């Protein structure tokens, strides 16, 4: 299935993926599958976008279709559908 991927202010994303927004042909069905497939397709440099110390970076938000936040611990359960947009954005600091 085809999904849209968008990176907002994610350091290194443009250099690694060639663009900050692109279509991705996903073989799996979950957000976790998407991240795994992207890391396989784009190589070890792409791991720096998603992983820190071998685990998903807690400071990188996953937003689907601009309205649903996916917690990292639920990304392997959150099923995507054709045409979904998955946005990756850093958490904002402040208070």
PDB file of N, CA and C in Angstrom:
ATOM      1  N   UNK A   1       0.833  -1.172   0.000  1.00  0.00           N
ATOM      2  CA  UNK A   1       0.000   0.000   0.000  1.00  0.00           C
ATOM      3  C   UNK A   1       0.877   1.233   0.000  1.00  0.00           C
ATOM      4  N   UNK A   2       0.396   2.287  -0.586  1.00  0.00           N
ATOM      5  CA  UNK A   2       1.136   3.542  -0.609  1.00  0.00           C
ATOM      6  C   UNK A   2       0.670   4.431   0.537  1.00  0.00           C
ATOM      7  N   UNK A   3       1.659   4.974   1.251  1.00  0.00           N
ATOM      8  CA  UNK A   3       1.398   5.959   2.296  1.00  0.00           C
ATOM      9  C   UNK A   3       2.301   7.157   2.021  1.00  0.00           C
ATOM     10  N   UNK A   4       1.925   8.296   2.586  1.00  0.00           N
ATOM     11  CA  UNK A   4       2.747   9.496   2.483  1.00  0.00           C
ATOM     12  C   UNK A   4       3.521   9.663   3.775  1.00  0.00           C
ATOM     13  N   UNK A   5       4.776  10.022   3.663  1.00  0.00           N
ATOM     14  CA  UNK A   5       5.638  10.245   4.822  1.00  0.00           C
ATOM     15  C   UNK A   5       6.084  11.694   4.794  1.00  0.00           C
ATOM     16  N   UNK A   6       6.032  12.334   5.953  1.00  0.00           N
ATOM     17  CA  UNK A   6       6.447  13.733   6.049  1.00  0.00           C
ATOM     18  C   UNK A   6       7.270  13.923   7.308  1.00  0.00           C
ATOM     19  N   UNK A   7       8.390  14.644   7.173  1.00  0.00           N
ATOM     20  CA  UNK A   7       9.240  14.967   8.308  1.00  0.00           C
ATOM     21  C   UNK A   7       9.164  16.466   8.548  1.00  0.00           C
ATOM     22  N   UNK A   8       8.878  16.847   9.789  1.00  0.00           N
ATOM     23  CA  UNK A   8       8.837  18.252  10.173  1.00  0.00           C
ATOM     24  C   UNK A   8       9.989  18.535  11.130  1.00  0.00           C
ATOM     25  N   UNK A   9      10.946  19.334  10.678  1.00  0.00           N
ATOM     26  CA  UNK A   9      12.049  19.750  11.549  1.00  0.00           C
ATOM     27  C   UNK A   9      12.820  18.583  12.165  1.00  0.00           C
ATOM     28  N   UNK A  10      12.946  17.480  11.430  1.00  0.00           N
ATOM     29  CA  UNK A  10      13.696  16.318  11.923  1.00  0.00           C
ATOM     30  C   UNK A  10      15.113  16.405  11.368  1.00  0.00           C
ATOM     31  N   UNK A  11      16.059  16.554  12.264  1.00  0.00           N
ATOM     32  CA  UNK A  11      17.454  16.734  11.885  1.00  0.00           C
ATOM     33  C   UNK A  11      17.965  15.561  11.040  1.00  0.00           C
ATOM     34  N   UNK A  12      18.535  15.898   9.895  1.00  0.00           N
ATOM     35  CA  UNK A  12      19.151  14.913   9.015  1.00  0.00           C
ATOM     36  C   UNK A  12      18.207  14.210   8.059  1.00  0.00           C
ATOM     37  N   UNK A  13      16.912  14.419   8.195  1.00  0.00           N
ATOM     38  CA  UNK A  13      15.946  13.681   7.363  1.00  0.00           C
ATOM     39  C   UNK A  13      16.108  13.986   5.876  1.00  0.00           C
ATOM     40  N   UNK A  14      16.269  15.248   5.516  1.00  0.00           N
ATOM     41  CA  UNK A  14      16.392  15.605   4.089  1.00  0.00           C
ATOM     42  C   UNK A  14      17.612  14.931   3.467  1.00  0.00           C
ATOM     43  N   UNK A  15      18.722  14.940   4.177  1.00  0.00           N
ATOM     44  CA  UNK A  15      19.947  14.348   3.647  1.00  0.00           C
ATOM     45  C   UNK A  15      19.823  12.828   3.509  1.00  0.00           C
ATOM     46  N   UNK A  16      19.165  12.200   4.443  1.00  0.00           N
ATOM     47  CA  UNK A  16      19.052  10.738   4.431  1.00  0.00           C
ATOM     48  C   UNK A  16      18.011  10.251   3.431  1.00  0.00           C
ATOM     49  N   UNK A  17      16.841  10.892   3.417  1.00  0.00           N
ATOM     50  CA  UNK A  17      15.730  10.412   2.591  1.00  0.00           C
ATOM     51  C   UNK A  17      15.607  11.147   1.258  1.00  0.00           C
ATOM     52  N   UNK A  18      16.369  12.223   1.076  1.00  0.00           N
ATOM     53  CA  UNK A  18      16.335  12.952  -0.183  1.00  0.00           C
ATOM     54  C   UNK A  18      15.230  13.984  -0.270  1.00  0.00           C
ATOM     55  N   UNK A  19      14.267  13.925   0.615  1.00  0.00           N
ATOM     56  CA  UNK A  19      13.133  14.840   0.630  1.00  0.00           C
ATOM     57  C   UNK A  19      12.494  14.784   2.010  1.00  0.00           C
ATOM     58  N   UNK A  20      11.749  15.818   2.346  1.00  0.00           N
ATOM     59  CA  UNK A  20      11.040  15.819   3.630  1.00  0.00           C
ATOM     60  C   UNK A  20       9.623  15.278   3.504  1.00  0.00           C
ATOM     61  N   UNK A  21       9.177  15.072   2.257  1.00  0.00           N
ATOM     62  CA  UNK A  21       7.854  14.475   2.032  1.00  0.00           C
ATOM     63  C   UNK A  21       7.938  13.594   0.798  1.00  0.00           C
ATOM     64  N   UNK A  22       7.444  12.356   0.947  1.00  0.00           N
ATOM     65  CA  UNK A  22       7.494  11.433  -0.175  1.00  0.00           C
ATOM     66  C   UNK A  22       6.496  10.299   0.028  1.00  0.00           C
ATOM     67  N   UNK A  23       6.146   9.645  -1.081  1.00  0.00           N
ATOM     68  CA  UNK A  23       5.287   8.462  -1.031  1.00  0.00           C
ATOM     69  C   UNK A  23       6.167   7.260  -0.728  1.00  0.00           C
ATOM     70  N   UNK A  24       5.621   6.319   0.025  1.00  0.00           N
ATOM     71  CA  UNK A  24       6.368   5.119   0.385  1.00  0.00           C
ATOM     72  C   UNK A  24       5.476   3.918   0.140  1.00  0.00           C
ATOM     73  N   UNK A  25       6.002   2.931  -0.576  1.00  0.00           N
ATOM     74  CA  UNK A  25       5.261   1.704  -0.859  1.00  0.00           C
ATOM     75  C   UNK A  25       5.499   0.734   0.296  1.00  0.00           C
ATOM     76  N   UNK A  26       4.536   0.638   1.192  1.00  0.00           N
ATOM     77  CA  UNK A  26       4.647  -0.150   2.415  1.00  0.00           C
ATOM     78  C   UNK A  26       4.167  -1.577   2.178  1.00  0.00           C
ATOM     79  N   UNK A  27       5.030  -2.537   2.496  1.00  0.00           N
ATOM     80  CA  UNK A  27       4.664  -3.947   2.369  1.00  0.00           C
ATOM     81  C   UNK A  27       3.875  -4.426   3.591  1.00  0.00           C
ATOM     82  N   UNK A  28       4.236  -3.912   4.761  1.00  0.00           N
ATOM     83  CA  UNK A  28       3.556  -4.286   6.006  1.00  0.00           C
ATOM     84  C   UNK A  28       2.277  -3.493   6.181  1.00  0.00           C
ATOM     85  N   UNK A  29       1.848  -3.357   7.442  1.00  0.00           N
ATOM     86  CA  UNK A  29       0.577  -2.674   7.670  1.00  0.00           C
ATOM     87  C   UNK A  29       0.586  -1.707   8.855  1.00  0.00           C
ATOM     88  N   UNK A  30       1.624  -1.728   9.666  1.00  0.00           N
ATOM     89  CA  UNK A  30       1.617  -0.889  10.867  1.00  0.00           C
ATOM     90  C   UNK A  30       2.673   0.216  10.781  1.00  0.00           C
ATOM     91  N   UNK A  31       2.573   1.162  11.705  1.00  0.00           N
ATOM     92  CA  UNK A  31       3.579   2.215  11.796  1.00  0.00           C
ATOM     93  C   UNK A  31       4.952   1.596  12.066  1.00  0.00           C
ATOM     94  N   UNK A  32       5.008   0.594  12.916  1.00  0.00           N
ATOM     95  CA  UNK A  32       6.266  -0.103  13.184  1.00  0.00           C
ATOM     96  C   UNK A  32       6.854  -0.727  11.931  1.00  0.00           C
ATOM     97  N   UNK A  33       5.987  -1.333  11.100  1.00  0.00           N
ATOM     98  CA  UNK A  33       6.442  -1.898   9.818  1.00  0.00           C
ATOM     99  C   UNK A  33       7.032  -0.801   8.933  1.00  0.00           C
ATOM    100  N   UNK A  34       6.364   0.346   8.902  1.00  0.00           N
ATOM    101  CA  UNK A  34       6.842   1.462   8.087  1.00  0.00           C
ATOM    102  C   UNK A  34       8.252   1.876   8.499  1.00  0.00           C
ATOM    103  N   UNK A  35       8.461   2.066   9.782  1.00  0.00           N
ATOM    104  CA  UNK A  35       9.777   2.478  10.269  1.00  0.00           C
ATOM    105  C   UNK A  35      10.824   1.418   9.948  1.00  0.00           C
ATOM    106  N   UNK A  36      10.510   0.153  10.190  1.00  0.00           N
ATOM    107  CA  UNK A  36      11.450  -0.935   9.880  1.00  0.00           C
ATOM    108  C   UNK A  36      11.803  -0.962   8.395  1.00  0.00           C
ATOM    109  N   UNK A  37      10.785  -0.853   7.545  1.00  0.00           N
ATOM    110  CA  UNK A  37      11.021  -0.905   6.102  1.00  0.00           C
ATOM    111  C   UNK A  37      11.820   0.302   5.624  1.00  0.00           C
ATOM    112  N   UNK A  38      11.562   1.475   6.204  1.00  0.00           N
ATOM    113  CA  UNK A  38      12.320   2.668   5.823  1.00  0.00           C
ATOM    114  C   UNK A  38      13.787   2.514   6.213  1.00  0.00           C
ATOM    115  N   UNK A  39      14.047   1.975   7.401  1.00  0.00           N
ATOM    116  CA  UNK A  39      15.435   1.787   7.823  1.00  0.00           C
ATOM    117  C   UNK A  39      16.151   0.765   6.937  1.00  0.00           C
ATOM    118  N   UNK A  40      15.440  -0.259   6.503  1.00  0.00           N
ATOM    119  CA  UNK A  40      16.047  -1.249   5.602  1.00  0.00           C
ATOM    120  C   UNK A  40      16.325  -0.634   4.231  1.00  0.00           C
ATOM    121  N   UNK A  41      15.361   0.115   3.718  1.00  0.00           N
ATOM    122  CA  UNK A  41      15.497   0.683   2.375  1.00  0.00           C
ATOM    123  C   UNK A  41      16.554   1.785   2.311  1.00  0.00           C
ATOM    124  N   UNK A  42      16.640   2.613   3.352  1.00  0.00           N
ATOM    125  CA  UNK A  42      17.545   3.766   3.325  1.00  0.00           C
ATOM    126  C   UNK A  42      18.857   3.533   4.065  1.00  0.00           C
ATOM    127  N   UNK A  43      19.043   2.360   4.618  1.00  0.00           N
ATOM    128  CA  UNK A  43      20.325   2.001   5.208  1.00  0.00           C
ATOM    129  C   UNK A  43      20.551   2.486   6.628  1.00  0.00           C
ATOM    130  N   UNK A  44      21.745   2.196   7.099  1.00  0.00           N
ATOM    131  CA  UNK A  44      22.071   2.428   8.508  1.00  0.00           C
ATOM    132  C   UNK A  44      22.000   3.897   8.912  1.00  0.00           C
ATOM    133  N   UNK A  45      22.255   4.824   7.990  1.00  0.00           N
ATOM    134  CA  UNK A  45      22.158   6.244   8.344  1.00  0.00           C
ATOM    135  C   UNK A  45      20.748   6.619   8.777  1.00  0.00           C
ATOM    136  N   UNK A  46      19.744   5.979   8.216  1.00  0.00           N
ATOM    137  CA  UNK A  46      18.357   6.318   8.570  1.00  0.00           C
ATOM    138  C   UNK A  46      18.022   5.916  10.007  1.00  0.00           C
ATOM    139  N   UNK A  47      18.780   4.987  10.557  1.00  0.00           N
ATOM    140  CA  UNK A  47      18.524   4.577  11.943  1.00  0.00           C
ATOM    141  C   UNK A  47      18.701   5.740  12.908  1.00  0.00           C
ATOM    142  N   UNK A  48      19.593   6.677  12.585  1.00  0.00           N
ATOM    143  CA  UNK A  48      19.832   7.821  13.464  1.00  0.00           C
ATOM    144  C   UNK A  48      18.607   8.715  13.592  1.00  0.00           C
ATOM    145  N   UNK A  49      17.708   8.666  12.611  1.00  0.00           N
ATOM    146  CA  UNK A  49      16.475   9.450  12.679  1.00  0.00           C
ATOM    147  C   UNK A  49      15.500   8.817  13.664  1.00  0.00           C
ATOM    148  N   UNK A  50      15.421   7.513  13.664  1.00  0.00           N
ATOM    149  CA  UNK A  50      14.393   6.811  14.437  1.00  0.00           C
ATOM    150  C   UNK A  50      14.872   6.200  15.750  1.00  0.00           C
ATOM    151  N   UNK A  51      16.146   5.833  15.835  1.00  0.00           N
ATOM    152  CA  UNK A  51      16.631   5.084  16.995  1.00  0.00           C
ATOM    153  C   UNK A  51      17.675   5.854  17.791  1.00  0.00           C
ATOM    154  N   UNK A  52      17.678   5.593  19.069  1.00  0.00           N
ATOM    155  CA  UNK A  52      18.727   6.091  19.960  1.00  0.00           C
ATOM    156  C   UNK A  52      19.024   4.971  20.934  1.00  0.00           C
ATOM    157  N   UNK A  53      20.258   4.488  20.910  1.00  0.00           N
ATOM    158  CA  UNK A  53      20.620   3.364  21.761  1.00  0.00           C
ATOM    159  C   UNK A  53      19.866   2.092  21.412  1.00  0.00           C
ATOM    160  N   UNK A  54      19.503   1.928  20.124  1.00  0.00           N
ATOM    161  CA  UNK A  54      18.804   0.729  19.675  1.00  0.00           C
ATOM    162  C   UNK A  54      17.300   0.738  19.910  1.00  0.00           C
ATOM    163  N   UNK A  55      16.794   1.808  20.514  1.00  0.00           N
ATOM    164  CA  UNK A  55      15.352   1.914  20.790  1.00  0.00           C
ATOM    165  C   UNK A  55      14.783   3.136  20.069  1.00  0.00           C
ATOM    166  N   UNK A  56      13.469   3.094  19.809  1.00  0.00           N
ATOM    167  CA  UNK A  56      12.818   4.225  19.149  1.00  0.00           C
ATOM    168  C   UNK A  56      13.007   5.481  19.993  1.00  0.00           C
ATOM    169  N   UNK A  57      13.343   6.577  19.330  1.00  0.00           N
ATOM    170  CA  UNK A  57      13.559   7.839  20.033  1.00  0.00           C
ATOM    171  C   UNK A  57      12.248   8.359  20.622  1.00  0.00           C
ATOM    172  N   UNK A  58      12.210   8.520  21.910  1.00  0.00           N
ATOM    173  CA  UNK A  58      11.012   9.009  22.584  1.00  0.00           C
ATOM    174  C   UNK A  58      10.679  10.445  22.286  1.00  0.00           C
ATOM    175  N   UNK A  59      11.653  11.200  21.743  1.00  0.00           N
ATOM    176  CA  UNK A  59      11.389  12.598  21.445  1.00  0.00           C
ATOM    177  C   UNK A  59      10.919  12.828  20.005  1.00  0.00           C
ATOM    178  N   UNK A  60      10.605  11.761  19.277  1.00  0.00           N
ATOM    179  CA  UNK A  60      10.116  11.871  17.908  1.00  0.00           C
ATOM    180  C   UNK A  60       8.654  11.443  17.874  1.00  0.00           C
ATOM    181  N   UNK A  61       7.774  12.426  17.666  1.00  0.00           N
ATOM    182  CA  UNK A  61       6.342  12.141  17.614  1.00  0.00           C
ATOM    183  C   UNK A  61       5.967  11.459  16.304  1.00  0.00           C
ATOM    184  N   UNK A  62       4.949  10.612  16.387  1.00  0.00           N
ATOM    185  CA  UNK A  62       4.376   9.970  15.205  1.00  0.00           C
ATOM    186  C   UNK A  62       2.926  10.436  15.139  1.00  0.00           C
ATOM    187  N   UNK A  63       2.571  11.109  14.055  1.00  0.00           N
ATOM    188  CA  UNK A  63       1.218  11.651  13.889  1.00  0.00           C
ATOM    189  C   UNK A  63       0.657  11.099  12.582  1.00  0.00           C
ATOM    190  N   UNK A  64      -0.538  10.546  12.632  1.00  0.00           N
ATOM    191  CA  UNK A  64      -1.159   9.993  11.428  1.00  0.00           C
ATOM    192  C   UNK A  64      -2.312  10.896  11.011  1.00  0.00           C
ATOM    193  N   UNK A  65      -2.257  11.334   9.755  1.00  0.00           N
ATOM    194  CA  UNK A  65      -3.295  12.168   9.148  1.00  0.00           C
ATOM    195  C   UNK A  65      -3.575  13.447   9.931  1.00  0.00           C
ATOM    196  N   UNK A  66      -2.555  13.995  10.541  1.00  0.00           N
ATOM    197  CA  UNK A  66      -2.626  15.255  11.289  1.00  0.00           C
ATOM    198  C   UNK A  66      -3.558  15.218  12.487  1.00  0.00           C
ATOM    199  N   UNK A  67      -4.022  14.037  12.916  1.00  0.00           N
ATOM    200  CA  UNK A  67      -4.960  14.031  14.037  1.00  0.00           C
ATOM    201  C   UNK A  67      -4.747  12.931  15.057  1.00  0.00           C
ATOM    202  N   UNK A  68      -4.058  11.870  14.734  1.00  0.00           N
ATOM    203  CA  UNK A  68      -3.891  10.754  15.660  1.00  0.00           C
ATOM    204  C   UNK A  68      -2.427  10.616  16.037  1.00  0.00           C
ATOM    205  N   UNK A  69      -2.136  10.791  17.333  1.00  0.00           N
ATOM    206  CA  UNK A  69      -0.777  10.586  17.832  1.00  0.00           C
ATOM    207  C   UNK A  69      -0.610   9.118  18.181  1.00  0.00           C
ATOM    208  N   UNK A  70       0.484   8.536  17.705  1.00  0.00           N
ATOM    209  CA  UNK A  70       0.763   7.125  17.958  1.00  0.00           C
ATOM    210  C   UNK A  70       1.915   7.047  18.949  1.00  0.00           C
ATOM    211  N   UNK A  71       1.654   6.455  20.101  1.00  0.00           N
ATOM    212  CA  UNK A  71       2.705   6.280  21.091  1.00  0.00           C
ATOM    213  C   UNK A  71       3.698   5.238  20.592  1.00  0.00           C
ATOM    214  N   UNK A  72       4.990   5.433  20.849  1.00  0.00           N
ATOM    215  CA  UNK A  72       5.997   4.475  20.378  1.00  0.00           C
ATOM    216  C   UNK A  72       5.695   3.042  20.797  1.00  0.00           C
ATOM    217  N   UNK A  73       5.180   2.857  21.988  1.00  0.00           N
ATOM    218  CA  UNK A  73       4.889   1.491  22.447  1.00  0.00           C
ATOM    219  C   UNK A  73       3.684   0.873  21.728  1.00  0.00           C
ATOM    220  N   UNK A  74       2.934   1.677  20.967  1.00  0.00           N
ATOM    221  CA  UNK A  74       1.773   1.183  20.217  1.00  0.00           C
ATOM    222  C   UNK A  74       2.001   1.154  18.708  1.00  0.00           C
ATOM    223  N   UNK A  75       3.212   1.525  18.256  1.00  0.00           N
ATOM    224  CA  UNK A  75       3.418   1.648  16.813  1.00  0.00           C
ATOM    225  C   UNK A  75       3.322   0.314  16.069  1.00  0.00           C
ATOM    226  N   UNK A  76       3.582  -0.792  16.760  1.00  0.00           N
ATOM    227  CA  UNK A  76       3.455  -2.096  16.107  1.00  0.00           C
ATOM    228  C   UNK A  76       2.011  -2.595  16.092  1.00  0.00           C
ATOM    229  N   UNK A  77       1.122  -1.868  16.734  1.00  0.00           N
ATOM    230  CA  UNK A  77      -0.293  -2.227  16.762  1.00  0.00           C
ATOM    231  C   UNK A  77      -1.141  -1.288  15.904  1.00  0.00           C
ATOM    232  N   UNK A  78      -0.627  -0.098  15.606  1.00  0.00           N
ATOM    233  CA  UNK A  78      -1.407   0.902  14.874  1.00  0.00           C
ATOM    234  C   UNK A  78      -1.375   0.583  13.383  1.00  0.00           C
ATOM    235  N   UNK A  79      -2.518   0.160  12.853  1.00  0.00           N
ATOM    236  CA  UNK A  79      -2.629  -0.262  11.456  1.00  0.00           C
ATOM    237  C   UNK A  79      -2.895   0.947  10.561  1.00  0.00           C
ATOM    238  N   UNK A  80      -2.132   1.031   9.493  1.00  0.00           N
ATOM    239  CA  UNK A  80      -2.287   2.099   8.505  1.00  0.00           C
ATOM    240  C   UNK A  80      -3.185   1.637   7.367  1.00  0.00           C
ATOM    241  N   UNK A  81      -3.727   2.609   6.633  1.00  0.00           N
ATOM    242  CA  UNK A  81      -4.532   2.298   5.446  1.00  0.00           C
ATOM    243  C   UNK A  81      -3.965   3.072   4.256  1.00  0.00           C
ATOM    244  N   UNK A  82      -4.299   2.625   3.084  1.00  0.00           N
ATOM    245  CA  UNK A  82      -3.859   3.241   1.830  1.00  0.00           C
ATOM    246  C   UNK A  82      -4.094   4.751   1.888  1.00  0.00           C
ATOM    247  N   UNK A  83      -3.040   5.515   1.550  1.00  0.00           N
ATOM    248  CA  UNK A  83      -3.156   6.962   1.473  1.00  0.00           C
ATOM    249  C   UNK A  83      -2.936   7.710   2.778  1.00  0.00           C
ATOM    250  N   UNK A  84      -2.746   7.004   3.886  1.00  0.00           N
ATOM    251  CA  UNK A  84      -2.478   7.689   5.155  1.00  0.00           C
ATOM    252  C   UNK A  84      -1.222   8.534   5.037  1.00  0.00           C
ATOM    253  N   UNK A  85      -1.204   9.644   5.779  1.00  0.00           N
ATOM    254  CA  UNK A  85      -0.005  10.457   5.893  1.00  0.00           C
ATOM    255  C   UNK A  85       0.563  10.253   7.288  1.00  0.00           C
ATOM    256  N   UNK A  86       1.837   9.897   7.357  1.00  0.00           N
ATOM    257  CA  UNK A  86       2.515   9.687   8.624  1.00  0.00           C
ATOM    258  C   UNK A  86       3.537  10.803   8.765  1.00  0.00           C
ATOM    259  N   UNK A  87       3.360  11.596   9.832  1.00  0.00           N
ATOM    260  CA  UNK A  87       4.211  12.742  10.074  1.00  0.00           C
ATOM    261  C   UNK A  87       5.126  12.421  11.251  1.00  0.00           C
ATOM    262  N   UNK A  88       6.403  12.703  11.078  1.00  0.00           N
ATOM    263  CA  UNK A  88       7.377  12.562  12.149  1.00  0.00           C
ATOM    264  C   UNK A  88       7.844  13.966  12.510  1.00  0.00           C
ATOM    265  N   UNK A  89       7.743  14.296  13.802  1.00  0.00           N
ATOM    266  CA  UNK A  89       8.121  15.636  14.256  1.00  0.00           C
ATOM    267  C   UNK A  89       8.705  15.530  15.666  1.00  0.00           C
ATOM    268  N   UNK A  90       9.706  16.362  15.954  1.00  0.00           N
ATOM    269  CA  UNK A  90      10.269  16.328  17.297  1.00  0.00           C
ATOM    270  C   UNK A  90       9.271  16.886  18.312  1.00  0.00           C
ATOM    271  N   UNK A  91       9.365  16.377  19.533  1.00  0.00           N
ATOM    272  CA  UNK A  91       8.560  16.944  20.611  1.00  0.00           C
ATOM    273  C   UNK A  91       9.040  18.358  20.868  1.00  0.00           C
ATOM    274  N   UNK A  92       8.116  19.230  21.194  1.00  0.00           N
ATOM    275  CA  UNK A  92       8.474  20.610  21.479  1.00  0.00           C
ATOM    276  C   UNK A  92       8.803  20.757  22.946  1.00  0.00           C
ATOM    277  N   UNK A  93       9.852  21.468  23.221  1.00  0.00           N
ATOM    278  CA  UNK A  93      10.201  21.771  24.605  1.00  0.00           C
ATOM    279  C   UNK A  93       9.447  23.031  25.026  1.00  0.00           C
ATOM    280  N   UNK A  94       9.254  23.144  26.284  1.00  0.00           N
ATOM    281  CA  UNK A  94       8.609  24.355  26.786  1.00  0.00           C
ATOM    282  C   UNK A  94       7.776  24.051  28.001  1.00  0.00           C
ATOM    283  N   UNK A  95       7.133  25.073  28.469  1.00  0.00           N
ATOM    284  CA  UNK A  95       6.316  24.834  29.642  1.00  0.00           C
ATOM    285  C   UNK A  95       5.703  26.063  30.185  1.00  0.00           C
TER     286      UNK A  95
END
